[in-house]
Amino acid sequence: MAKCAICDKTVSNGNKISIARSHVSRRAPRTWKPNLRTVTTIVNGQPKKIKVCAKCLRSGKVTRV
């Protein structure tokens, strides 16, 4: 399952909406996945690869090795 190791962001569910003419005609289920990146960082003194979302990388919650 897609999940950030820092903030626990996971998959979101909702509806894909197709618009025909001037109103919503159909709804279909869809999912939004988090933008995960595999980065190498220091965990407990050892370099380790973890999956982190792009928002955590930008905000500086994780430092790359």
Protein backbone atom coordinates (compact mmCIF):
# COMPACT_ATOMS: atom_id res chain seq x y z
CA MET A 1 0.00 0.00 0.00
CA ALA A 2 1.22 3.51 -0.78
CA LYS A 3 2.04 5.20 2.54
CA CYS A 4 4.48 7.89 3.68
CA ALA A 5 6.82 6.73 6.46
CA ILE A 6 6.85 10.19 8.09
CA CYS A 7 3.30 11.62 7.98
CA ASP A 8 1.35 8.38 7.25
CA LYS A 9 -0.34 9.91 4.19
CA THR A 10 -2.21 7.16 2.33
CA VAL A 11 -4.49 6.64 -0.66
CA SER A 12 -7.61 8.87 -0.89
CA ASN A 13 -10.86 7.75 -2.49
CA GLY A 14 -13.49 9.75 -4.34
CA ASN A 15 -15.43 10.08 -7.56
CA LYS A 16 -14.24 10.83 -11.07
CA ILE A 17 -16.84 13.11 -12.58
CA SER A 18 -17.47 13.33 -16.31
CA ILE A 19 -19.25 16.46 -17.41
CA ALA A 20 -21.48 16.35 -20.47
CA ARG A 21 -23.27 19.46 -21.60
CA SER A 22 -24.02 21.60 -18.54
CA HIS A 23 -24.47 19.01 -15.80
CA VAL A 24 -22.71 16.05 -14.24
CA SER A 25 -23.77 12.93 -16.08
CA ARG A 26 -21.65 10.11 -14.64
CA ARG A 27 -19.64 9.35 -11.54
CA ALA A 28 -17.01 6.64 -11.36
CA PRO A 29 -14.85 5.66 -8.38
CA ARG A 30 -11.17 6.57 -8.44
CA THR A 31 -8.20 6.86 -6.10
CA TRP A 32 -5.54 9.50 -5.51
CA LYS A 33 -2.14 8.19 -4.51
CA PRO A 34 0.43 10.22 -2.55
CA ASN A 35 3.51 11.47 -4.41
CA LEU A 36 6.04 9.07 -2.83
CA ARG A 37 9.80 9.15 -3.32
CA THR A 38 12.27 6.50 -2.18
CA VAL A 39 15.08 8.27 -0.33
CA THR A 40 18.11 7.09 1.62
CA THR A 41 18.33 8.63 5.07
CA ILE A 42 19.94 7.88 8.44
CA VAL A 43 17.67 5.90 10.79
CA ASN A 44 19.12 4.85 14.17
CA GLY A 45 22.66 5.52 12.90
CA GLN A 46 22.27 3.30 9.82
CA PRO A 47 21.51 4.39 6.23
CA LYS A 48 18.08 3.09 5.24
CA LYS A 49 15.74 3.50 2.27
CA ILE A 50 12.28 4.76 3.16
CA LYS A 51 9.29 5.97 1.14
CA VAL A 52 8.50 9.63 1.84
CA CYS A 53 5.92 11.94 0.26
CA ALA A 54 7.14 15.00 -1.63
CA LYS A 55 5.56 17.37 0.91
CA CYS A 56 7.72 15.93 3.73
CA LEU A 57 10.84 16.26 1.55
CA ARG A 58 10.07 19.90 0.69
CA SER A 59 9.31 20.87 4.27
CA GLY A 60 12.62 19.43 5.52
CA LYS A 61 11.21 16.68 7.74
CA VAL A 62 13.67 14.25 6.12
CA THR A 63 17.31 14.80 5.16
CA ARG A 64 18.86 12.77 2.37
CA VAL A 65 22.22 11.06 2.72
